[in-house]
N, C-alpha and C. Protein backbone atom coordinates (compact mmCIF):
# COMPACT_ATOMS: atom_id res chain seq x y z
N GLN A 1 18.92 5.16 -22.11
CA GLN A 1 18.92 4.11 -23.11
C GLN A 1 17.55 3.43 -23.18
N LYS A 2 16.90 3.23 -22.04
CA LYS A 2 15.59 2.56 -22.00
C LYS A 2 14.43 3.55 -21.94
N GLY A 3 14.74 4.85 -21.93
CA GLY A 3 13.68 5.85 -21.88
C GLY A 3 13.06 6.03 -20.51
N ILE A 4 13.75 5.61 -19.47
CA ILE A 4 13.24 5.73 -18.11
C ILE A 4 13.76 7.04 -17.52
N GLN A 5 12.86 7.79 -16.88
CA GLN A 5 13.25 9.04 -16.26
C GLN A 5 12.89 9.00 -14.79
N GLN A 6 13.83 9.33 -13.93
CA GLN A 6 13.60 9.31 -12.49
C GLN A 6 12.66 10.44 -12.11
N SER A 7 11.72 10.16 -11.23
CA SER A 7 10.80 11.17 -10.73
C SER A 7 11.38 11.78 -9.46
N MET A 8 11.54 13.08 -9.48
CA MET A 8 12.11 13.77 -8.32
C MET A 8 11.26 14.99 -8.00
N SER A 9 10.99 15.19 -6.71
CA SER A 9 10.31 16.41 -6.29
C SER A 9 11.37 17.40 -5.83
N ARG A 10 10.92 18.59 -5.50
CA ARG A 10 11.86 19.60 -5.00
C ARG A 10 12.51 19.11 -3.72
N LYS A 11 13.67 19.60 -3.44
CA LYS A 11 14.38 19.24 -2.22
C LYS A 11 13.53 19.65 -1.00
N GLY A 12 13.39 18.72 -0.08
CA GLY A 12 12.67 19.00 1.16
C GLY A 12 11.17 18.87 1.06
N ASN A 13 10.64 18.45 -0.07
CA ASN A 13 9.20 18.31 -0.25
C ASN A 13 8.82 16.84 -0.14
N CYS A 14 8.56 16.39 1.08
CA CYS A 14 8.29 14.97 1.28
C CYS A 14 6.80 14.64 1.30
N LEU A 15 5.93 15.64 1.26
CA LEU A 15 4.50 15.36 1.38
C LEU A 15 3.96 14.54 0.22
N ASP A 16 4.54 14.71 -0.97
CA ASP A 16 4.06 13.93 -2.11
C ASP A 16 4.45 12.46 -1.98
N ASN A 17 5.36 12.16 -1.09
CA ASN A 17 5.86 10.80 -0.90
C ASN A 17 5.28 10.14 0.35
N ALA A 18 4.60 10.90 1.18
CA ALA A 18 4.18 10.43 2.50
C ALA A 18 3.23 9.23 2.44
N VAL A 19 2.31 9.22 1.51
CA VAL A 19 1.33 8.13 1.44
C VAL A 19 2.02 6.81 1.13
N MET A 20 2.91 6.81 0.16
CA MET A 20 3.61 5.57 -0.20
C MET A 20 4.60 5.15 0.88
N GLU A 21 5.27 6.11 1.50
CA GLU A 21 6.18 5.78 2.60
C GLU A 21 5.41 5.11 3.73
N ASN A 22 4.22 5.61 4.04
CA ASN A 22 3.38 5.02 5.08
C ASN A 22 2.98 3.60 4.69
N PHE A 23 2.54 3.42 3.44
CA PHE A 23 2.12 2.10 2.99
C PHE A 23 3.27 1.10 3.08
N PHE A 24 4.45 1.46 2.58
CA PHE A 24 5.57 0.53 2.61
C PHE A 24 6.02 0.24 4.04
N GLY A 25 5.89 1.21 4.94
CA GLY A 25 6.18 0.96 6.35
C GLY A 25 5.24 -0.08 6.93
N LEU A 26 3.96 0.05 6.62
CA LEU A 26 2.97 -0.94 7.08
C LEU A 26 3.23 -2.30 6.46
N LEU A 27 3.53 -2.32 5.18
CA LEU A 27 3.81 -3.58 4.49
C LEU A 27 4.97 -4.32 5.15
N LYS A 28 6.01 -3.58 5.47
CA LYS A 28 7.17 -4.22 6.11
C LYS A 28 6.83 -4.73 7.51
N SER A 29 6.14 -3.91 8.29
CA SER A 29 5.87 -4.31 9.67
C SER A 29 4.78 -5.38 9.78
N GLU A 30 3.82 -5.39 8.85
CA GLU A 30 2.72 -6.34 8.93
C GLU A 30 2.94 -7.61 8.11
N LEU A 31 3.92 -7.61 7.20
CA LEU A 31 4.15 -8.79 6.36
C LEU A 31 5.61 -9.21 6.37
N LEU A 32 6.46 -8.33 5.93
CA LEU A 32 7.85 -8.70 5.67
C LEU A 32 8.60 -9.15 6.93
N TYR A 33 8.46 -8.40 8.01
CA TYR A 33 9.23 -8.70 9.22
C TYR A 33 8.64 -9.83 10.06
N LEU A 34 7.44 -10.28 9.73
CA LEU A 34 6.76 -11.28 10.56
C LEU A 34 7.03 -12.72 10.16
N GLN A 35 7.64 -12.94 9.00
CA GLN A 35 7.85 -14.32 8.57
C GLN A 35 9.06 -14.45 7.65
N LYS A 36 9.51 -15.66 7.52
CA LYS A 36 10.58 -16.00 6.58
C LYS A 36 9.91 -16.58 5.34
N PHE A 37 10.36 -16.17 4.19
CA PHE A 37 9.79 -16.67 2.95
C PHE A 37 10.68 -17.76 2.38
N GLN A 38 10.05 -18.84 1.94
CA GLN A 38 10.79 -20.00 1.45
C GLN A 38 11.32 -19.78 0.04
N SER A 39 10.69 -18.87 -0.73
CA SER A 39 11.10 -18.61 -2.10
C SER A 39 10.49 -17.28 -2.55
N ILE A 40 10.90 -16.83 -3.71
CA ILE A 40 10.30 -15.64 -4.29
C ILE A 40 8.82 -15.88 -4.58
N GLU A 41 8.50 -17.07 -5.05
CA GLU A 41 7.09 -17.39 -5.33
C GLU A 41 6.25 -17.34 -4.06
N HIS A 42 6.80 -17.84 -2.96
CA HIS A 42 6.10 -17.79 -1.68
C HIS A 42 5.87 -16.34 -1.27
N PHE A 43 6.90 -15.49 -1.44
CA PHE A 43 6.75 -14.06 -1.12
C PHE A 43 5.68 -13.42 -2.00
N LYS A 44 5.68 -13.71 -3.30
CA LYS A 44 4.68 -13.14 -4.20
C LYS A 44 3.26 -13.54 -3.79
N GLN A 45 3.09 -14.80 -3.41
CA GLN A 45 1.78 -15.28 -2.97
C GLN A 45 1.34 -14.55 -1.71
N GLU A 46 2.23 -14.41 -0.75
CA GLU A 46 1.90 -13.71 0.49
C GLU A 46 1.63 -12.22 0.23
N LEU A 47 2.36 -11.62 -0.70
CA LEU A 47 2.16 -10.22 -1.04
C LEU A 47 0.78 -10.00 -1.66
N VAL A 48 0.38 -10.86 -2.57
CA VAL A 48 -0.95 -10.76 -3.18
C VAL A 48 -2.03 -10.89 -2.10
N GLU A 49 -1.86 -11.82 -1.19
CA GLU A 49 -2.83 -11.99 -0.10
C GLU A 49 -2.85 -10.77 0.81
N TYR A 50 -1.68 -10.19 1.09
CA TYR A 50 -1.62 -8.99 1.94
C TYR A 50 -2.32 -7.82 1.24
N LEU A 51 -2.09 -7.64 -0.05
CA LEU A 51 -2.71 -6.54 -0.78
C LEU A 51 -4.24 -6.68 -0.78
N ASP A 52 -4.73 -7.91 -0.91
CA ASP A 52 -6.17 -8.14 -0.82
C ASP A 52 -6.67 -7.77 0.58
N TYR A 53 -5.96 -8.21 1.60
CA TYR A 53 -6.32 -7.88 2.99
C TYR A 53 -6.31 -6.36 3.20
N TYR A 54 -5.24 -5.71 2.75
CA TYR A 54 -5.08 -4.27 2.96
C TYR A 54 -6.21 -3.49 2.28
N ASN A 55 -6.54 -3.85 1.07
CA ASN A 55 -7.54 -3.10 0.31
C ASN A 55 -8.98 -3.46 0.64
N ASN A 56 -9.24 -4.71 1.02
CA ASN A 56 -10.63 -5.16 1.16
C ASN A 56 -11.07 -5.51 2.57
N HIS A 57 -10.16 -5.65 3.51
CA HIS A 57 -10.55 -6.11 4.85
C HIS A 57 -10.00 -5.25 5.99
N ARG A 58 -8.83 -4.67 5.84
CA ARG A 58 -8.17 -3.91 6.91
C ARG A 58 -8.85 -2.54 7.05
N ILE A 59 -9.49 -2.30 8.18
CA ILE A 59 -10.20 -1.04 8.36
C ILE A 59 -9.21 0.08 8.71
N LYS A 60 -9.58 1.29 8.31
CA LYS A 60 -8.77 2.47 8.56
C LYS A 60 -9.64 3.51 9.24
N ALA A 61 -9.19 4.04 10.37
CA ALA A 61 -9.95 5.05 11.08
C ALA A 61 -10.17 6.30 10.22
N LYS A 62 -9.16 6.68 9.45
CA LYS A 62 -9.28 7.87 8.60
C LYS A 62 -10.30 7.70 7.47
N LEU A 63 -10.66 6.46 7.19
CA LEU A 63 -11.63 6.18 6.14
C LEU A 63 -12.98 5.78 6.73
N LYS A 64 -13.31 6.38 7.87
CA LYS A 64 -14.60 6.14 8.56
C LYS A 64 -14.77 4.69 8.96
N GLY A 65 -13.67 4.02 9.31
CA GLY A 65 -13.73 2.64 9.76
C GLY A 65 -13.95 1.63 8.66
N LEU A 66 -13.67 2.02 7.42
CA LEU A 66 -13.88 1.14 6.27
C LEU A 66 -12.54 0.76 5.63
N PRO A 67 -12.50 -0.37 4.96
CA PRO A 67 -11.32 -0.70 4.14
C PRO A 67 -11.26 0.25 2.94
N PRO A 68 -10.08 0.48 2.38
CA PRO A 68 -9.94 1.42 1.26
C PRO A 68 -10.87 1.15 0.07
N ALA A 69 -11.02 -0.10 -0.34
CA ALA A 69 -11.85 -0.40 -1.51
C ALA A 69 -13.32 -0.04 -1.27
N ILE A 70 -13.83 -0.32 -0.09
CA ILE A 70 -15.23 -0.01 0.24
C ILE A 70 -15.42 1.50 0.32
N TYR A 71 -14.46 2.18 0.94
CA TYR A 71 -14.53 3.64 1.04
C TYR A 71 -14.57 4.28 -0.34
N ARG A 72 -13.71 3.79 -1.26
CA ARG A 72 -13.69 4.35 -2.62
C ARG A 72 -15.03 4.08 -3.32
N GLN A 73 -15.59 2.90 -3.15
CA GLN A 73 -16.88 2.59 -3.77
C GLN A 73 -17.96 3.54 -3.28
N GLN A 74 -17.99 3.76 -1.96
CA GLN A 74 -19.00 4.66 -1.40
C GLN A 74 -18.79 6.10 -1.87
N ALA A 75 -17.53 6.52 -1.96
CA ALA A 75 -17.24 7.88 -2.42
C ALA A 75 -17.67 8.06 -3.88
N LEU A 76 -17.47 7.05 -4.70
CA LEU A 76 -17.89 7.15 -6.10
C LEU A 76 -19.41 7.17 -6.24
N LEU A 77 -20.09 6.40 -5.41
CA LEU A 77 -21.56 6.38 -5.46
C LEU A 77 -22.15 7.69 -4.99
N ALA A 78 -21.48 8.35 -4.05
CA ALA A 78 -21.97 9.62 -3.51
C ALA A 78 -21.78 10.77 -4.47
N SER A 79 -20.83 10.64 -5.39
CA SER A 79 -20.57 11.77 -6.31
C SER A 79 -21.39 11.75 -7.56
């Protein structure tokens, strides 16, 4: 009715989902489970702050010790 179509991969093919599953696992363990939120607005504010932290400050060993945003900038400059 709304023109929405569910995205499904083949049965048993979880690799296309692994990156997002990892991210949401980190989000839950580093934000959601660590505090009680007073309201939906409070949760939204904390989520925006977490996304900024995750993308611009949280270093990743797989990204040569850089945050994702910095790594992407360097990769684009190198190409």
